[in-house]
């Protein structure tokens, strides 16, 4: 088994992380619909998407479940690697 350095691990994930907004748009969800699926207000979700606030681990897990994606594949901070959505942002 080959052990990757931290930098190699980060590079191997490039292209595999998606921002909250990009994932929501890819799923054709409005802020309102997505927030209802997650169980939070649309204002909270908007703030998470724009990095004004950060979700708790419990909320982050709910987001991952609602978006059908692994928690590690969601970009929660502005300096994380981001996959740009193929669809127009709403």
N, C-alpha and C. Protein backbone atom coordinates (compact mmCIF):
# COMPACT_ATOMS: atom_id res chain seq x y z
N UNK A 1 0.84 -1.18 0.00
CA UNK A 1 0.00 0.00 0.00
C UNK A 1 0.89 1.25 0.00
N UNK A 2 0.61 2.16 -0.90
CA UNK A 2 1.38 3.40 -1.02
C UNK A 2 0.75 4.45 -0.13
N UNK A 3 1.56 5.08 0.69
CA UNK A 3 1.07 6.15 1.56
C UNK A 3 1.31 7.49 0.87
N UNK A 4 0.25 8.27 0.69
CA UNK A 4 0.34 9.57 0.04
C UNK A 4 0.62 10.65 1.06
N UNK A 5 1.43 11.62 0.66
CA UNK A 5 1.66 12.78 1.52
C UNK A 5 0.37 13.59 1.59
N UNK A 6 0.31 14.49 2.54
CA UNK A 6 -0.87 15.34 2.68
C UNK A 6 -1.13 16.13 1.40
N UNK A 7 -0.08 16.66 0.80
CA UNK A 7 -0.23 17.42 -0.45
C UNK A 7 -0.75 16.52 -1.58
N UNK A 8 -0.24 15.30 -1.66
CA UNK A 8 -0.71 14.36 -2.69
C UNK A 8 -2.18 13.99 -2.46
N UNK A 9 -2.57 13.86 -1.19
CA UNK A 9 -3.96 13.57 -0.88
C UNK A 9 -4.86 14.71 -1.33
N UNK A 10 -4.43 15.95 -1.08
CA UNK A 10 -5.21 17.11 -1.51
C UNK A 10 -5.33 17.14 -3.02
N UNK A 11 -4.22 16.89 -3.72
CA UNK A 11 -4.23 16.91 -5.18
C UNK A 11 -5.11 15.80 -5.75
N UNK A 12 -5.15 14.66 -5.09
CA UNK A 12 -5.96 13.55 -5.60
C UNK A 12 -7.45 13.84 -5.49
N UNK A 13 -7.82 14.82 -4.65
CA UNK A 13 -9.23 15.17 -4.50
C UNK A 13 -9.65 16.30 -5.42
N UNK A 14 -8.71 16.92 -6.10
CA UNK A 14 -9.07 18.02 -6.99
C UNK A 14 -10.07 17.52 -8.02
N UNK A 15 -11.13 18.25 -8.16
CA UNK A 15 -12.17 17.85 -9.10
C UNK A 15 -13.24 16.98 -8.48
N UNK A 16 -13.04 16.56 -7.22
CA UNK A 16 -14.02 15.69 -6.60
C UNK A 16 -14.87 16.41 -5.56
N UNK A 17 -14.56 17.69 -5.28
CA UNK A 17 -15.31 18.45 -4.30
C UNK A 17 -16.19 19.47 -5.02
N UNK A 18 -17.35 19.67 -4.47
CA UNK A 18 -18.30 20.58 -5.09
C UNK A 18 -18.82 21.55 -4.03
N UNK A 19 -19.06 22.78 -4.43
CA UNK A 19 -19.59 23.76 -3.48
C UNK A 19 -21.05 23.45 -3.19
N UNK A 20 -21.52 23.97 -2.07
CA UNK A 20 -22.92 23.76 -1.70
C UNK A 20 -23.86 24.27 -2.78
N UNK A 21 -23.61 25.46 -3.26
CA UNK A 21 -24.49 26.04 -4.27
C UNK A 21 -24.44 25.26 -5.58
N UNK A 22 -23.24 24.88 -6.01
CA UNK A 22 -23.12 24.12 -7.26
C UNK A 22 -23.87 22.80 -7.17
N UNK A 23 -23.76 22.11 -6.04
CA UNK A 23 -24.45 20.84 -5.89
C UNK A 23 -25.96 21.04 -5.87
N UNK A 24 -26.42 22.08 -5.18
CA UNK A 24 -27.86 22.37 -5.14
C UNK A 24 -28.39 22.65 -6.54
N UNK A 25 -27.65 23.45 -7.30
CA UNK A 25 -28.07 23.78 -8.66
C UNK A 25 -28.04 22.52 -9.54
N UNK A 26 -27.02 21.70 -9.39
CA UNK A 26 -26.95 20.46 -10.17
C UNK A 26 -28.15 19.54 -9.90
N UNK A 27 -28.67 19.63 -8.68
CA UNK A 27 -29.84 18.81 -8.32
C UNK A 27 -31.17 19.50 -8.66
N UNK A 28 -31.09 20.67 -9.31
CA UNK A 28 -32.28 21.45 -9.69
C UNK A 28 -33.13 21.80 -8.48
N UNK A 29 -32.47 22.17 -7.38
CA UNK A 29 -33.18 22.55 -6.17
C UNK A 29 -33.07 24.06 -5.95
N UNK A 30 -34.18 24.67 -5.58
CA UNK A 30 -34.15 26.06 -5.16
C UNK A 30 -33.64 26.10 -3.72
N UNK A 31 -33.30 27.28 -3.25
CA UNK A 31 -32.91 27.43 -1.84
C UNK A 31 -34.02 26.92 -0.93
N UNK A 32 -35.26 27.26 -1.27
CA UNK A 32 -36.39 26.86 -0.45
C UNK A 32 -36.56 25.34 -0.40
N UNK A 33 -36.52 24.70 -1.56
CA UNK A 33 -36.69 23.24 -1.60
C UNK A 33 -35.54 22.53 -0.88
N UNK A 34 -34.32 22.98 -1.12
CA UNK A 34 -33.16 22.34 -0.49
C UNK A 34 -33.20 22.52 1.02
N UNK A 35 -33.54 23.72 1.46
CA UNK A 35 -33.58 23.96 2.91
C UNK A 35 -34.64 23.10 3.59
N UNK A 36 -35.76 22.88 2.92
CA UNK A 36 -36.81 22.01 3.48
C UNK A 36 -36.31 20.57 3.57
N UNK A 37 -35.59 20.10 2.56
CA UNK A 37 -35.02 18.75 2.59
C UNK A 37 -34.04 18.57 3.75
N UNK A 38 -33.27 19.60 4.00
CA UNK A 38 -32.25 19.56 5.03
C UNK A 38 -32.85 19.78 6.41
N UNK A 39 -33.90 20.60 6.48
CA UNK A 39 -34.54 20.90 7.76
C UNK A 39 -33.99 22.16 8.40
N UNK A 40 -33.59 23.12 7.54
CA UNK A 40 -33.08 24.41 8.01
C UNK A 40 -33.78 25.51 7.24
N UNK A 41 -33.57 26.75 7.68
CA UNK A 41 -34.17 27.87 6.95
C UNK A 41 -33.39 28.14 5.66
N UNK A 42 -34.08 28.73 4.68
CA UNK A 42 -33.39 29.06 3.43
C UNK A 42 -32.33 30.13 3.67
N UNK A 43 -32.51 30.94 4.69
CA UNK A 43 -31.52 31.96 5.02
C UNK A 43 -30.24 31.33 5.56
N UNK A 44 -30.39 30.27 6.36
CA UNK A 44 -29.21 29.56 6.86
C UNK A 44 -28.45 28.94 5.70
N UNK A 45 -29.17 28.29 4.80
CA UNK A 45 -28.52 27.66 3.65
C UNK A 45 -27.82 28.70 2.79
N UNK A 46 -28.47 29.83 2.56
CA UNK A 46 -27.86 30.92 1.79
C UNK A 46 -26.55 31.35 2.45
N UNK A 47 -26.56 31.51 3.75
CA UNK A 47 -25.36 31.92 4.48
C UNK A 47 -24.26 30.87 4.40
N UNK A 48 -24.62 29.60 4.43
CA UNK A 48 -23.61 28.54 4.27
C UNK A 48 -23.02 28.59 2.86
N UNK A 49 -23.88 28.75 1.86
CA UNK A 49 -23.41 28.79 0.47
C UNK A 49 -22.47 29.97 0.21
N UNK A 50 -22.69 31.07 0.89
CA UNK A 50 -21.88 32.27 0.68
C UNK A 50 -20.80 32.43 1.75
N UNK A 51 -20.56 31.38 2.52
CA UNK A 51 -19.49 31.32 3.51
C UNK A 51 -19.59 32.42 4.56
N UNK A 52 -20.81 32.85 4.84
CA UNK A 52 -21.02 33.84 5.91
C UNK A 52 -21.02 33.17 7.27
N UNK A 53 -21.53 31.95 7.30
CA UNK A 53 -21.52 31.12 8.49
C UNK A 53 -21.17 29.70 8.08
N UNK A 54 -20.80 28.88 9.04
CA UNK A 54 -20.48 27.48 8.77
C UNK A 54 -21.48 26.59 9.50
N UNK A 55 -21.91 25.53 8.85
CA UNK A 55 -22.86 24.63 9.51
C UNK A 55 -22.18 23.80 10.58
N UNK A 56 -22.96 23.38 11.56
CA UNK A 56 -22.45 22.42 12.55
C UNK A 56 -22.23 21.09 11.84
N UNK A 57 -21.54 20.19 12.46
CA UNK A 57 -21.29 18.88 11.84
C UNK A 57 -22.62 18.15 11.61
N UNK A 58 -23.57 18.33 12.51
CA UNK A 58 -24.87 17.67 12.35
C UNK A 58 -25.59 18.20 11.11
N UNK A 59 -25.56 19.51 10.92
CA UNK A 59 -26.20 20.11 9.75
C UNK A 59 -25.44 19.73 8.48
N UNK A 60 -24.11 19.73 8.54
CA UNK A 60 -23.30 19.33 7.38
C UNK A 60 -23.64 17.91 6.96
N UNK A 61 -23.84 17.03 7.92
CA UNK A 61 -24.21 15.65 7.60
C UNK A 61 -25.60 15.58 6.97
N UNK A 62 -26.52 16.41 7.44
CA UNK A 62 -27.86 16.46 6.85
C UNK A 62 -27.80 16.98 5.41
N UNK A 63 -26.95 17.96 5.18
CA UNK A 63 -26.78 18.49 3.83
C UNK A 63 -26.24 17.39 2.90
N UNK A 64 -25.22 16.70 3.34
CA UNK A 64 -24.64 15.62 2.53
C UNK A 64 -25.68 14.56 2.21
N UNK A 65 -26.49 14.21 3.20
CA UNK A 65 -27.52 13.19 2.99
C UNK A 65 -28.57 13.70 1.99
N UNK A 66 -29.03 14.93 2.17
CA UNK A 66 -30.04 15.50 1.27
C UNK A 66 -29.53 15.62 -0.16
N UNK A 67 -28.23 15.90 -0.30
CA UNK A 67 -27.62 16.09 -1.62
C UNK A 67 -27.05 14.79 -2.20
N UNK A 68 -27.19 13.70 -1.47
CA UNK A 68 -26.73 12.38 -1.92
C UNK A 68 -25.24 12.39 -2.29
N UNK A 69 -24.44 12.92 -1.38
CA UNK A 69 -23.01 13.03 -1.61
C UNK A 69 -22.29 12.77 -0.30
N UNK A 70 -21.06 12.29 -0.37
CA UNK A 70 -20.26 12.08 0.83
C UNK A 70 -19.89 13.44 1.42
N UNK A 71 -19.86 13.52 2.72
CA UNK A 71 -19.52 14.76 3.41
C UNK A 71 -18.18 15.32 2.95
N UNK A 72 -17.20 14.46 2.73
CA UNK A 72 -15.87 14.90 2.29
C UNK A 72 -15.87 15.49 0.88
N UNK A 73 -16.93 15.30 0.14
CA UNK A 73 -16.98 15.79 -1.24
C UNK A 73 -17.71 17.13 -1.37
N UNK A 74 -18.05 17.73 -0.24
CA UNK A 74 -18.71 19.03 -0.27
C UNK A 74 -17.73 20.10 0.20
N UNK A 75 -17.72 21.19 -0.52
CA UNK A 75 -16.86 22.34 -0.20
C UNK A 75 -17.60 23.25 0.76
N UNK A 76 -17.10 23.37 1.99
CA UNK A 76 -17.74 24.21 2.99
C UNK A 76 -16.98 25.51 3.24
N UNK A 77 -15.77 25.64 2.73
CA UNK A 77 -14.96 26.84 2.97
C UNK A 77 -14.54 27.43 1.63
N UNK A 78 -14.38 28.74 1.56
CA UNK A 78 -14.08 29.38 0.27
C UNK A 78 -12.73 29.01 -0.31
N UNK A 79 -11.79 28.55 0.50
CA UNK A 79 -10.47 28.22 -0.03
C UNK A 79 -10.31 26.75 -0.38
N UNK A 80 -11.38 25.96 -0.27
CA UNK A 80 -11.35 24.56 -0.69
C UNK A 80 -11.33 24.48 -2.20
N UNK A 81 -10.91 23.37 -2.74
CA UNK A 81 -11.00 23.13 -4.17
C UNK A 81 -12.46 23.05 -4.57
N UNK A 82 -12.81 23.68 -5.65
CA UNK A 82 -14.21 23.73 -6.07
C UNK A 82 -14.39 23.19 -7.47
N UNK A 83 -15.46 22.46 -7.64
CA UNK A 83 -15.89 22.02 -8.96
C UNK A 83 -16.98 22.99 -9.39
N UNK A 84 -16.81 23.61 -10.52
CA UNK A 84 -17.80 24.57 -11.00
C UNK A 84 -18.98 23.81 -11.59
N UNK A 85 -20.16 24.22 -11.22
CA UNK A 85 -21.37 23.59 -11.71
C UNK A 85 -21.48 23.75 -13.22
N UNK A 86 -22.05 22.75 -13.85
CA UNK A 86 -22.26 22.82 -15.29
C UNK A 86 -23.53 23.60 -15.62
N UNK A 87 -24.31 23.93 -14.60
CA UNK A 87 -25.55 24.65 -14.80
C UNK A 87 -25.42 26.06 -14.30
N UNK A 88 -26.27 26.93 -14.81
CA UNK A 88 -26.27 28.33 -14.39
C UNK A 88 -26.70 28.44 -12.92
N UNK A 89 -25.97 29.22 -12.15
CA UNK A 89 -26.28 29.41 -10.74
C UNK A 89 -27.58 30.21 -10.60
N UNK A 90 -28.39 29.84 -9.59
CA UNK A 90 -29.65 30.53 -9.34
C UNK A 90 -29.47 31.52 -8.22
